[in-house]
Protein backbone atom coordinates (compact mmCIF):
# COMPACT_ATOMS: atom_id res chain seq x y z
CA MET A 1 123.91 82.31 71.49
CA ILE A 2 124.92 83.30 74.99
CA ALA A 3 122.97 86.19 76.45
CA SER A 4 124.85 89.06 77.95
CA PRO A 5 124.60 89.98 81.62
CA GLU A 6 122.68 93.09 80.54
CA ASP A 7 120.08 90.88 78.83
CA TYR A 8 119.63 88.81 81.99
CA LEU A 9 119.34 91.95 84.07
CA ALA A 10 116.73 93.43 81.71
CA ARG A 11 114.70 90.21 81.80
CA ALA A 12 114.91 90.01 85.57
CA GLN A 13 113.78 93.62 85.82
CA ARG A 14 110.73 92.88 83.64
CA VAL A 15 109.84 89.88 85.79
CA TYR A 16 109.99 91.93 88.98
CA GLU A 17 107.97 94.75 87.40
CA ALA A 18 105.29 92.24 86.38
CA ALA A 19 105.36 90.75 89.88
CA ASP A 20 104.90 94.20 91.40
CA ARG A 21 101.92 94.91 89.14
CA LEU A 22 100.32 91.57 90.04
CA ARG A 23 100.96 92.16 93.72
CA GLY A 24 99.35 95.60 93.46
CA LYS A 25 96.29 94.16 91.75
CA ALA A 26 96.00 91.49 94.44
CA MET A 27 96.09 94.15 97.15
CA LYS A 28 93.33 96.10 95.36
CA MET A 29 91.22 92.95 95.27
CA PHE A 30 91.73 92.38 98.98
CA ASP A 31 90.66 96.01 99.55
CA ALA A 32 87.55 95.37 97.45
CA VAL A 33 86.81 92.33 99.61
CA ASP A 34 86.86 94.54 102.69
CA GLU A 35 84.30 96.85 101.06
CA LEU A 36 82.16 93.89 100.04
CA ARG A 37 82.22 92.58 103.61
CA LYS A 38 80.54 95.80 104.69
CA ARG A 39 77.77 95.17 102.14
CA GLN A 40 77.53 91.56 103.25
CA THR A 41 76.68 92.61 106.81
CA ASP A 42 74.49 95.61 105.92
CA GLU A 43 71.04 94.44 106.96
CA SER A 44 69.39 97.35 105.17
CA LEU A 45 70.23 95.60 101.89
CA SER A 46 68.16 92.79 100.48
CA PHE A 47 69.14 89.19 101.02
CA GLU A 48 70.00 88.89 97.31
CA GLU A 49 72.44 91.81 97.48
CA ARG A 50 74.11 90.43 100.60
CA TYR A 51 74.33 86.97 99.02
CA ARG A 52 75.85 88.46 95.87
CA ALA A 53 78.44 90.22 98.01
CA THR A 54 79.29 86.84 99.58
CA ILE A 55 79.85 85.30 96.15
CA LEU A 56 81.96 88.25 95.00
CA ILE A 57 84.06 88.03 98.17
CA GLU A 58 84.88 84.41 97.45
CA GLU A 59 85.73 85.13 93.81
CA ALA A 60 87.88 88.17 94.62
CA ASN A 61 89.77 86.26 97.31
CA GLU A 62 90.49 83.39 94.92
CA LEU A 63 91.60 85.73 92.16
CA ALA A 64 93.87 87.65 94.50
CA LYS A 65 95.39 84.41 95.76
CA ASP A 66 95.97 83.31 92.16
CA HIS A 67 97.79 86.59 91.48
CA LEU A 68 100.00 86.07 94.52
CA ASP A 69 100.71 82.46 93.52
CA LEU A 70 101.80 83.70 90.10
CA VAL A 71 104.06 86.29 91.74
CA ASP A 72 105.67 83.50 93.77
CA ARG A 73 106.22 81.41 90.64
CA LEU A 74 107.66 84.35 88.71
CA THR A 75 110.09 85.34 91.40
CA ARG A 76 111.21 81.81 92.21
CA ALA A 77 111.83 80.71 88.61
CA LYS A 78 115.44 80.31 87.65
């Protein structure tokens, strides 16, 4: 069965909506990283808290990058 142009358009629209949501989540994670960096350098906090912030920064950065990689794959797929 051949899909109609409207079907292709609707599917493309869903892909771009999903990509926008993923991009938004990635940006929120990068914002969280900025907040965690403040904790990481706050010497009034214990070493354990600063170390935990370091670990969370790495995890949030990787997750955000994964989201952006998925956005790239979604928008480049044919």
